[in-house]
PDB file of N, CA and C in Angstrom:
ATOM      1  N   MET A   1       0.718  -1.221  -0.015  1.00  0.00           N
ATOM      2  CA  MET A   1      -0.065  -0.190  -0.037  1.00  0.00           C
ATOM      3  C   MET A   1       0.828   1.004   0.127  1.00  0.00           C
ATOM      4  N   VAL A   2       0.529   2.130  -0.737  1.00  0.00           N
ATOM      5  CA  VAL A   2       1.258   3.324  -0.903  1.00  0.00           C
ATOM      6  C   VAL A   2       1.450   4.094   0.300  1.00  0.00           C
ATOM      7  N   LEU A   3       0.198   4.372   0.812  1.00  0.00           N
ATOM      8  CA  LEU A   3       0.279   5.040   2.124  1.00  0.00           C
ATOM      9  C   LEU A   3       0.794   4.750   3.298  1.00  0.00           C
ATOM     10  N   ASN A   4       1.674   3.390   2.957  1.00  0.00           N
ATOM     11  CA  ASN A   4       2.478   2.601   4.240  1.00  0.00           C
ATOM     12  C   ASN A   4       4.075   2.630   3.634  1.00  0.00           C
ATOM     13  N   THR A   5       4.281   3.020   2.803  1.00  0.00           N
ATOM     14  CA  THR A   5       5.456   2.496   2.123  1.00  0.00           C
ATOM     15  C   THR A   5       6.650   4.280   2.179  1.00  0.00           C
ATOM     16  N   ASP A   6       7.504   3.692   3.357  1.00  0.00           N
ATOM     17  CA  ASP A   6       8.594   4.763   3.790  1.00  0.00           C
ATOM     18  C   ASP A   6       9.130   5.453   2.966  1.00  0.00           C
ATOM     19  N   THR A   7       9.622   4.775   1.740  1.00  0.00           N
ATOM     20  CA  THR A   7      10.405   5.054   0.830  1.00  0.00           C
ATOM     21  C   THR A   7       9.571   5.905  -0.186  1.00  0.00           C
ATOM     22  N   LEU A   8       8.525   6.692  -0.058  1.00  0.00           N
ATOM     23  CA  LEU A   8       7.900   6.760  -0.862  1.00  0.00           C
ATOM     24  C   LEU A   8       7.050   8.627  -0.353  1.00  0.00           C
ATOM     25  N   ARG A   9       7.658  10.025  -0.574  1.00  0.00           N
ATOM     26  CA  ARG A   9       7.105  10.871   0.413  1.00  0.00           C
ATOM     27  C   ARG A   9       7.217  11.709  -1.002  1.00  0.00           C
ATOM     28  N   GLY A  10       6.101  13.400  -0.413  1.00  0.00           N
ATOM     29  CA  GLY A  10       5.218  14.025  -1.324  1.00  0.00           C
ATOM     30  C   GLY A  10       4.203  13.622  -2.506  1.00  0.00           C
ATOM     31  N   ALA A  11       4.066  14.447  -3.600  1.00  0.00           N
ATOM     32  CA  ALA A  11       3.626  13.789  -4.358  1.00  0.00           C
ATOM     33  C   ALA A  11       3.626  12.526  -5.501  1.00  0.00           C
ATOM     34  N   VAL A  12       2.696  11.766  -5.719  1.00  0.00           N
ATOM     35  CA  VAL A  12       2.484  10.808  -6.321  1.00  0.00           C
ATOM     36  C   VAL A  12       1.728  10.569  -7.145  1.00  0.00           C
ATOM     37  N   ASN A  13       1.794  10.177  -8.237  1.00  0.00           N
ATOM     38  CA  ASN A  13       1.043  10.020  -9.425  1.00  0.00           C
ATOM     39  C   ASN A  13       0.863   8.777  -9.416  1.00  0.00           C
ATOM     40  N   LEU A  14      -0.700   8.624  -9.158  1.00  0.00           N
ATOM     41  CA  LEU A  14      -1.297   7.051  -9.152  1.00  0.00           C
ATOM     42  C   LEU A  14      -1.966   6.750 -10.436  1.00  0.00           C
ATOM     43  N   VAL A  15      -0.594   6.351 -11.125  1.00  0.00           N
ATOM     44  CA  VAL A  15      -1.267   6.127 -12.506  1.00  0.00           C
ATOM     45  C   VAL A  15      -0.669   4.845 -12.855  1.00  0.00           C
ATOM     46  N   SER A  16      -1.115   4.219 -14.278  1.00  0.00           N
ATOM     47  CA  SER A  16      -0.628   2.847 -14.420  1.00  0.00           C
ATOM     48  C   SER A  16       0.857   3.048 -15.153  1.00  0.00           C
ATOM     49  N   PRO A  17       1.738   2.247 -15.051  1.00  0.00           N
ATOM     50  CA  PRO A  17       3.063   2.228 -15.749  1.00  0.00           C
ATOM     51  C   PRO A  17       3.097   2.295 -17.471  1.00  0.00           C
ATOM     52  N   ASN A  18       1.828   2.396 -17.911  1.00  0.00           N
ATOM     53  CA  ASN A  18       1.593   1.755 -18.824  1.00  0.00           C
ATOM     54  C   ASN A  18       0.840   2.729 -19.552  1.00  0.00           C
ATOM     55  N   PRO A  19       0.802   4.341 -19.890  1.00  0.00           N
ATOM     56  CA  PRO A  19      -0.020   4.867 -20.259  1.00  0.00           C
ATOM     57  C   PRO A  19      -0.637   4.630 -21.713  1.00  0.00           C
ATOM     58  N   VAL A  20      -2.181   4.563 -21.663  1.00  0.00           N
ATOM     59  CA  VAL A  20      -2.858   5.061 -23.446  1.00  0.00           C
ATOM     60  C   VAL A  20      -3.268   6.322 -23.786  1.00  0.00           C
ATOM     61  N   THR A  21      -3.538   6.046 -24.819  1.00  0.00           N
ATOM     62  CA  THR A  21      -4.424   7.281 -25.448  1.00  0.00           C
ATOM     63  C   THR A  21      -5.806   6.953 -25.421  1.00  0.00           C
ATOM     64  N   ASN A  22      -6.845   7.589 -25.539  1.00  0.00           N
ATOM     65  CA  ASN A  22      -8.073   7.362 -25.149  1.00  0.00           C
ATOM     66  C   ASN A  22      -8.943   6.550 -26.748  1.00  0.00           C
ATOM     67  N   ALA A  23      -8.074   6.454 -27.471  1.00  0.00           N
ATOM     68  CA  ALA A  23      -8.177   5.229 -28.657  1.00  0.00           C
ATOM     69  C   ALA A  23      -8.108   4.052 -28.089  1.00  0.00           C
ATOM     70  N   GLU A  24      -6.931   3.816 -27.435  1.00  0.00           N
ATOM     71  CA  GLU A  24      -6.300   2.562 -27.216  1.00  0.00           C
ATOM     72  C   GLU A  24      -7.564   2.003 -25.761  1.00  0.00           C
ATOM     73  N   PHE A  25      -7.579   3.377 -25.116  1.00  0.00           N
ATOM     74  CA  PHE A  25      -8.753   2.944 -24.073  1.00  0.00           C
ATOM     75  C   PHE A  25     -10.154   2.425 -24.632  1.00  0.00           C
ATOM     76  N   THR A  26     -10.467   2.919 -25.499  1.00  0.00           N
ATOM     77  CA  THR A  26     -11.992   2.676 -25.880  1.00  0.00           C
ATOM     78  C   THR A  26     -11.817   1.427 -26.433  1.00  0.00           C
ATOM     79  N   SER A  27     -10.776   0.923 -27.450  1.00  0.00           N
ATOM     80  CA  SER A  27     -10.990  -0.243 -27.844  1.00  0.00           C
ATOM     81  C   SER A  27     -10.372  -1.213 -26.812  1.00  0.00           C
ATOM     82  N   ALA A  28      -9.966  -1.233 -26.167  1.00  0.00           N
ATOM     83  CA  ALA A  28      -9.460  -2.203 -24.771  1.00  0.00           C
ATOM     84  C   ALA A  28     -10.892  -2.688 -23.985  1.00  0.00           C
ATOM     85  N   LEU A  29     -11.533  -1.127 -23.707  1.00  0.00           N
ATOM     86  CA  LEU A  29     -12.610  -1.354 -23.261  1.00  0.00           C
ATOM     87  C   LEU A  29     -14.132  -2.272 -23.954  1.00  0.00           C
ATOM     88  N   GLY A  30     -14.119  -1.756 -25.243  1.00  0.00           N
ATOM     89  CA  GLY A  30     -14.852  -2.349 -26.242  1.00  0.00           C
ATOM     90  C   GLY A  30     -14.314  -4.222 -26.095  1.00  0.00           C
ATOM     91  N   THR A  31     -13.297  -4.352 -26.158  1.00  0.00           N
ATOM     92  CA  THR A  31     -12.816  -5.631 -25.938  1.00  0.00           C
ATOM     93  C   THR A  31     -13.114  -6.345 -24.898  1.00  0.00           C
ATOM     94  N   THR A  32     -12.891  -5.729 -23.930  1.00  0.00           N
ATOM     95  CA  THR A  32     -13.367  -6.378 -22.494  1.00  0.00           C
ATOM     96  C   THR A  32     -14.822  -6.525 -22.175  1.00  0.00           C
ATOM     97  N   LEU A  33     -15.787  -5.353 -22.887  1.00  0.00           N
ATOM     98  CA  LEU A  33     -17.176  -5.847 -22.612  1.00  0.00           C
ATOM     99  C   LEU A  33     -17.654  -6.333 -23.991  1.00  0.00           C
ATOM    100  N   SER A  34     -16.983  -7.034 -24.790  1.00  0.00           N
ATOM    101  CA  SER A  34     -17.512  -7.596 -26.227  1.00  0.00           C
ATOM    102  C   SER A  34     -18.297  -7.084 -26.939  1.00  0.00           C
ATOM    103  N   ARG A  35     -17.859  -5.752 -26.992  1.00  0.00           N
ATOM    104  CA  ARG A  35     -18.427  -4.591 -27.764  1.00  0.00           C
ATOM    105  C   ARG A  35     -17.390  -3.609 -28.851  1.00  0.00           C
ATOM    106  N   THR A  36     -18.488  -3.455 -29.927  1.00  0.00           N
ATOM    107  CA  THR A  36     -17.219  -2.524 -30.959  1.00  0.00           C
ATOM    108  C   THR A  36     -17.278  -1.209 -29.940  1.00  0.00           C
ATOM    109  N   ALA A  37     -16.438  -0.822 -30.151  1.00  0.00           N
ATOM    110  CA  ALA A  37     -16.311   0.421 -29.415  1.00  0.00           C
ATOM    111  C   ALA A  37     -15.123   1.575 -30.633  1.00  0.00           C
ATOM    112  N   ILE A  38     -16.124   2.194 -31.976  1.00  0.00           N
ATOM    113  CA  ILE A  38     -15.404   2.531 -32.532  1.00  0.00           C
ATOM    114  C   ILE A  38     -15.301   3.899 -33.003  1.00  0.00           C
ATOM    115  N   LEU A  39     -16.646   4.295 -32.464  1.00  0.00           N
ATOM    116  CA  LEU A  39     -16.788   5.901 -32.641  1.00  0.00           C
ATOM    117  C   LEU A  39     -16.954   6.468 -31.632  1.00  0.00           C
ATOM    118  N   PRO A  40     -15.759   7.279 -31.777  1.00  0.00           N
ATOM    119  CA  PRO A  40     -15.342   8.490 -30.946  1.00  0.00           C
ATOM    120  C   PRO A  40     -16.233   9.965 -30.547  1.00  0.00           C
ATOM    121  N   ALA A  41     -16.421  10.269 -29.275  1.00  0.00           N
ATOM    122  CA  ALA A  41     -17.387  11.309 -29.174  1.00  0.00           C
ATOM    123  C   ALA A  41     -17.085  12.314 -29.765  1.00  0.00           C
ATOM    124  N   PRO A  42     -17.860  13.226 -30.451  1.00  0.00           N
ATOM    125  CA  PRO A  42     -17.140  14.164 -30.956  1.00  0.00           C
ATOM    126  C   PRO A  42     -17.028  16.042 -29.944  1.00  0.00           C
ATOM    127  N   ALA A  43     -15.888  16.096 -30.263  1.00  0.00           N
ATOM    128  CA  ALA A  43     -15.393  17.501 -29.475  1.00  0.00           C
ATOM    129  C   ALA A  43     -16.520  18.226 -28.899  1.00  0.00           C
ATOM    130  N   PHE A  44     -17.187  18.383 -29.853  1.00  0.00           N
ATOM    131  CA  PHE A  44     -18.206  20.019 -29.705  1.00  0.00           C
ATOM    132  C   PHE A  44     -19.287  19.362 -29.073  1.00  0.00           C
ATOM    133  N   ALA A  45     -19.662  17.935 -29.077  1.00  0.00           N
ATOM    134  CA  ALA A  45     -20.596  17.300 -28.192  1.00  0.00           C
ATOM    135  C   ALA A  45     -20.145  17.545 -26.833  1.00  0.00           C
ATOM    136  N   LEU A  46     -18.837  17.292 -26.413  1.00  0.00           N
ATOM    137  CA  LEU A  46     -18.537  17.020 -24.862  1.00  0.00           C
ATOM    138  C   LEU A  46     -18.873  18.626 -24.497  1.00  0.00           C
ATOM    139  N   ARG A  47     -18.220  19.506 -25.531  1.00  0.00           N
ATOM    140  CA  ARG A  47     -17.945  21.023 -25.010  1.00  0.00           C
ATOM    141  C   ARG A  47     -19.583  21.382 -24.752  1.00  0.00           C
ATOM    142  N   LEU A  48     -20.295  20.813 -25.826  1.00  0.00           N
ATOM    143  CA  LEU A  48     -21.644  21.603 -25.345  1.00  0.00           C
ATOM    144  C   LEU A  48     -22.541  20.889 -24.405  1.00  0.00           C
ATOM    145  N   ALA A  49     -22.407  19.642 -23.949  1.00  0.00           N
ATOM    146  CA  ALA A  49     -22.488  18.876 -22.465  1.00  0.00           C
ATOM    147  C   ALA A  49     -21.770  19.561 -20.892  1.00  0.00           C
ATOM    148  N   LEU A  50     -20.376  19.743 -21.862  1.00  0.00           N
ATOM    149  CA  LEU A  50     -19.553  19.963 -20.018  1.00  0.00           C
ATOM    150  C   LEU A  50     -19.168  21.180 -20.063  1.00  0.00           C
ATOM    151  N   GLY A  51     -19.668  22.061 -21.129  1.00  0.00           N
ATOM    152  CA  GLY A  51     -18.654  23.755 -21.161  1.00  0.00           C
ATOM    153  C   GLY A  51     -16.897  23.185 -21.257  1.00  0.00           C
ATOM    154  N   GLU A  52     -16.508  23.974 -20.233  1.00  0.00           N
ATOM    155  CA  GLU A  52     -15.327  23.825 -20.150  1.00  0.00           C
ATOM    156  C   GLU A  52     -14.456  22.857 -19.583  1.00  0.00           C
ATOM    157  N   MET A  53     -15.144  22.129 -18.781  1.00  0.00           N
ATOM    158  CA  MET A  53     -14.650  20.971 -18.312  1.00  0.00           C
ATOM    159  C   MET A  53     -14.171  19.912 -19.233  1.00  0.00           C
ATOM    160  N   ALA A  54     -15.093  20.014 -20.081  1.00  0.00           N
ATOM    161  CA  ALA A  54     -14.854  19.000 -21.274  1.00  0.00           C
ATOM    162  C   ALA A  54     -13.411  19.330 -21.711  1.00  0.00           C
ATOM    163  N   ASP A  55     -12.617  19.977 -22.429  1.00  0.00           N
ATOM    164  CA  ASP A  55     -11.447  20.722 -22.601  1.00  0.00           C
ATOM    165  C   ASP A  55     -10.327  20.136 -21.219  1.00  0.00           C
ATOM    166  N   GLU A  56     -11.019  20.480 -20.290  1.00  0.00           N
ATOM    167  CA  GLU A  56     -10.011  20.261 -18.876  1.00  0.00           C
ATOM    168  C   GLU A  56      -9.952  18.808 -18.984  1.00  0.00           C
ATOM    169  N   VAL A  57     -11.109  18.066 -18.602  1.00  0.00           N
ATOM    170  CA  VAL A  57     -10.892  16.567 -18.397  1.00  0.00           C
ATOM    171  C   VAL A  57     -10.898  15.894 -18.967  1.00  0.00           C
ATOM    172  N   LEU A  58     -11.852  16.054 -20.544  1.00  0.00           N
ATOM    173  CA  LEU A  58     -11.554  14.836 -21.298  1.00  0.00           C
ATOM    174  C   LEU A  58     -10.856  14.957 -22.550  1.00  0.00           C
ATOM    175  N   LEU A  59     -10.471  15.917 -23.186  1.00  0.00           N
ATOM    176  CA  LEU A  59     -10.000  16.399 -24.216  1.00  0.00           C
ATOM    177  C   LEU A  59      -8.479  16.783 -24.418  1.00  0.00           C
ATOM    178  N   ALA A  60      -8.427  16.859 -22.930  1.00  0.00           N
ATOM    179  CA  ALA A  60      -6.824  17.716 -23.125  1.00  0.00           C
ATOM    180  C   ALA A  60      -5.836  16.207 -22.851  1.00  0.00           C
ATOM    181  N   SER A  61      -4.600  16.549 -23.178  1.00  0.00           N
ATOM    182  CA  SER A  61      -3.401  15.288 -23.335  1.00  0.00           C
ATOM    183  C   SER A  61      -2.642  15.605 -22.478  1.00  0.00           C
ATOM    184  N   GLN A  62      -2.377  14.032 -21.165  1.00  0.00           N
ATOM    185  CA  GLN A  62      -1.216  13.975 -20.364  1.00  0.00           C
ATOM    186  C   GLN A  62      -0.474  12.754 -20.328  1.00  0.00           C
ATOM    187  N   ARG A  63       0.884  12.406 -20.685  1.00  0.00           N
ATOM    188  CA  ARG A  63       1.073  11.162 -20.686  1.00  0.00           C
ATOM    189  C   ARG A  63       1.794  11.391 -19.158  1.00  0.00           C
ATOM    190  N   VAL A  64       1.093  10.734 -17.988  1.00  0.00           N
ATOM    191  CA  VAL A  64       1.840  10.451 -16.917  1.00  0.00           C
ATOM    192  C   VAL A  64       2.440   9.481 -16.690  1.00  0.00           C
ATOM    193  N   GLN A  65       3.353   9.650 -15.761  1.00  0.00           N
ATOM    194  CA  GLN A  65       3.845   8.487 -15.479  1.00  0.00           C
ATOM    195  C   GLN A  65       4.084   8.599 -13.976  1.00  0.00           C
ATOM    196  N   PRO A  66       4.427   7.061 -13.507  1.00  0.00           N
ATOM    197  CA  PRO A  66       4.190   6.873 -12.245  1.00  0.00           C
ATOM    198  C   PRO A  66       6.016   7.220 -11.552  1.00  0.00           C
ATOM    199  N   ALA A  67       6.854   7.551 -11.737  1.00  0.00           N
ATOM    200  CA  ALA A  67       8.372   7.843 -11.677  1.00  0.00           C
ATOM    201  C   ALA A  67       8.628   7.278 -10.338  1.00  0.00           C
ATOM    202  N   GLN A  68       7.630   8.061  -9.351  1.00  0.00           N
ATOM    203  CA  GLN A  68       8.200   7.422  -7.923  1.00  0.00           C
ATOM    204  C   GLN A  68       7.394   6.471  -7.649  1.00  0.00           C
ATOM    205  N   LEU A  69       6.430   5.737  -7.641  1.00  0.00           N
ATOM    206  CA  LEU A  69       6.310   4.369  -7.613  1.00  0.00           C
ATOM    207  C   LEU A  69       7.021   3.522  -8.313  1.00  0.00           C
ATOM    208  N   LEU A  70       7.275   3.497  -9.326  1.00  0.00           N
ATOM    209  CA  LEU A  70       8.156   2.661 -10.186  1.00  0.00           C
ATOM    210  C   LEU A  70       9.757   2.961  -9.460  1.00  0.00           C
ATOM    211  N   ALA A  71      10.509   3.785  -8.908  1.00  0.00           N
ATOM    212  CA  ALA A  71      11.894   4.010  -8.345  1.00  0.00           C
ATOM    213  C   ALA A  71      11.718   3.229  -6.941  1.00  0.00           C
ATOM    214  N   GLY A  72      10.560   3.480  -6.439  1.00  0.00           N
ATOM    215  CA  GLY A  72      10.463   2.828  -5.023  1.00  0.00           C
ATOM    216  C   GLY A  72      10.073   1.533  -4.977  1.00  0.00           C
ATOM    217  N   GLY A  73       9.845   1.131  -6.345  1.00  0.00           N
ATOM    218  CA  GLY A  73       9.804  -0.643  -6.399  1.00  0.00           C
ATOM    219  C   GLY A  73       8.792  -1.000  -6.091  1.00  0.00           C
ATOM    220  N   TYR A  74       7.758  -0.206  -6.265  1.00  0.00           N
ATOM    221  CA  TYR A  74       5.862  -0.697  -6.213  1.00  0.00           C
ATOM    222  C   TYR A  74       5.732  -1.757  -7.120  1.00  0.00           C
ATOM    223  N   GLU A  75       4.853  -2.596  -6.586  1.00  0.00           N
ATOM    224  CA  GLU A  75       4.362  -3.523  -7.462  1.00  0.00           C
ATOM    225  C   GLU A  75       2.818  -3.548  -7.943  1.00  0.00           C
ATOM    226  N   PHE A  76       2.559  -3.282  -9.239  1.00  0.00           N
ATOM    227  CA  PHE A  76       1.315  -3.335  -9.360  1.00  0.00           C
ATOM    228  C   PHE A  76       0.482  -4.345  -9.809  1.00  0.00           C
ATOM    229  N   SER A  77      -0.592  -4.061  -9.245  1.00  0.00           N
ATOM    230  CA  SER A  77      -1.462  -5.648  -9.425  1.00  0.00           C
ATOM    231  C   SER A  77      -1.583  -6.122 -10.648  1.00  0.00           C
ATOM    232  N   PHE A  78      -2.089  -4.694 -11.853  1.00  0.00           N
ATOM    233  CA  PHE A  78      -2.587  -4.995 -13.252  1.00  0.00           C
ATOM    234  C   PHE A  78      -1.500  -3.786 -13.818  1.00  0.00           C
ATOM    235  N   ARG A  79      -0.368  -4.204 -14.892  1.00  0.00           N
ATOM    236  CA  ARG A  79       0.384  -3.660 -15.233  1.00  0.00           C
ATOM    237  C   ARG A  79      -0.024  -3.333 -16.849  1.00  0.00           C
ATOM    238  N   GLU A  80      -1.422  -4.325 -17.530  1.00  0.00           N
ATOM    239  CA  GLU A  80      -1.707  -3.733 -18.281  1.00  0.00           C
ATOM    240  C   GLU A  80      -3.549  -3.200 -18.523  1.00  0.00           C
ATOM    241  N   LEU A  81      -4.066  -2.594 -19.375  1.00  0.00           N
ATOM    242  CA  LEU A  81      -4.896  -2.410 -19.216  1.00  0.00           C
ATOM    243  C   LEU A  81      -6.352  -2.963 -19.652  1.00  0.00           C
ATOM    244  N   GLY A  82      -5.853  -4.298 -20.197  1.00  0.00           N
ATOM    245  CA  GLY A  82      -7.240  -5.116 -20.417  1.00  0.00           C
ATOM    246  C   GLY A  82      -7.480  -5.844 -19.256  1.00  0.00           C
ATOM    247  N   ALA A  83      -6.029  -6.520 -18.577  1.00  0.00           N
ATOM    248  CA  ALA A  83      -6.649  -6.797 -17.684  1.00  0.00           C
ATOM    249  C   ALA A  83      -6.655  -6.178 -16.456  1.00  0.00           C
ATOM    250  N   ALA A  84      -6.718  -4.933 -16.179  1.00  0.00           N
ATOM    251  CA  ALA A  84      -7.101  -4.249 -15.178  1.00  0.00           C
ATOM    252  C   ALA A  84      -8.685  -3.987 -15.234  1.00  0.00           C
ATOM    253  N   LEU A  85      -8.837  -3.698 -16.380  1.00  0.00           N
ATOM    254  CA  LEU A  85     -10.297  -3.521 -17.050  1.00  0.00           C
ATOM    255  C   LEU A  85     -11.198  -4.677 -16.766  1.00  0.00           C
ATOM    256  N   ALA A  86     -10.561  -6.188 -17.024  1.00  0.00           N
ATOM    257  CA  ALA A  86     -10.957  -7.013 -16.731  1.00  0.00           C
ATOM    258  C   ALA A  86     -11.596  -7.911 -15.298  1.00  0.00           C
ATOM    259  N   ASN A  87     -10.438  -7.203 -14.204  1.00  0.00           N
ATOM    260  CA  ASN A  87     -11.094  -7.582 -12.997  1.00  0.00           C
ATOM    261  C   ASN A  87     -12.187  -6.099 -12.549  1.00  0.00           C
ATOM    262  N   ILE A  88     -11.935  -5.168 -13.154  1.00  0.00           N
ATOM    263  CA  ILE A  88     -12.764  -3.945 -12.627  1.00  0.00           C
ATOM    264  C   ILE A  88     -14.066  -4.567 -12.825  1.00  0.00           C
ATOM    265  N   LEU A  89     -14.620  -5.442 -14.344  1.00  0.00           N
ATOM    266  CA  LEU A  89     -15.532  -5.131 -14.541  1.00  0.00           C
ATOM    267  C   LEU A  89     -16.164  -6.343 -14.319  1.00  0.00           C
ATOM    268  N   ASN A  90     -15.223  -7.661 -13.622  1.00  0.00           N
ATOM    269  CA  ASN A  90     -15.468  -9.175 -13.432  1.00  0.00           C
ATOM    270  C   ASN A  90     -16.036  -9.706 -14.892  1.00  0.00           C
ATOM    271  N   LYS A  91     -14.837  -9.605 -15.241  1.00  0.00           N
ATOM    272  CA  LYS A  91     -14.980 -10.632 -17.070  1.00  0.00           C
ATOM    273  C   LYS A  91     -13.888 -11.019 -16.753  1.00  0.00           C
ATOM    274  N   PRO A  92     -13.716 -12.259 -17.501  1.00  0.00           N
ATOM    275  CA  PRO A  92     -12.371 -13.230 -17.543  1.00  0.00           C
ATOM    276  C   PRO A  92     -11.289 -12.503 -18.387  1.00  0.00           C
ATOM    277  N   SER A  93     -10.511 -12.626 -18.304  1.00  0.00           N
ATOM    278  CA  SER A  93      -9.229 -11.825 -18.880  1.00  0.00           C
ATOM    279  C   SER A  93      -8.857 -12.113 -20.314  1.00  0.00           C
TER     280      SER A  93
END
């Protein structure tokens, strides 16, 4: 558990060690759910529904790395997106 790890100090990015794009995430989610997921949400529709928050939360891009976790030897339960989604959604991987 990160909170009980003496080697970690300060801000820690709690993200996967293998970042993916929105397209990769959508594809993996569709595969996990055994559904086709090929139609992206149009940016104008997201902006219409969510206003400025759409740009800040959904349309902006960040490639965050868990540098402190990796340097501290943290062991991820799921290093790949497909396995994590299968676990969250209770689907066989």
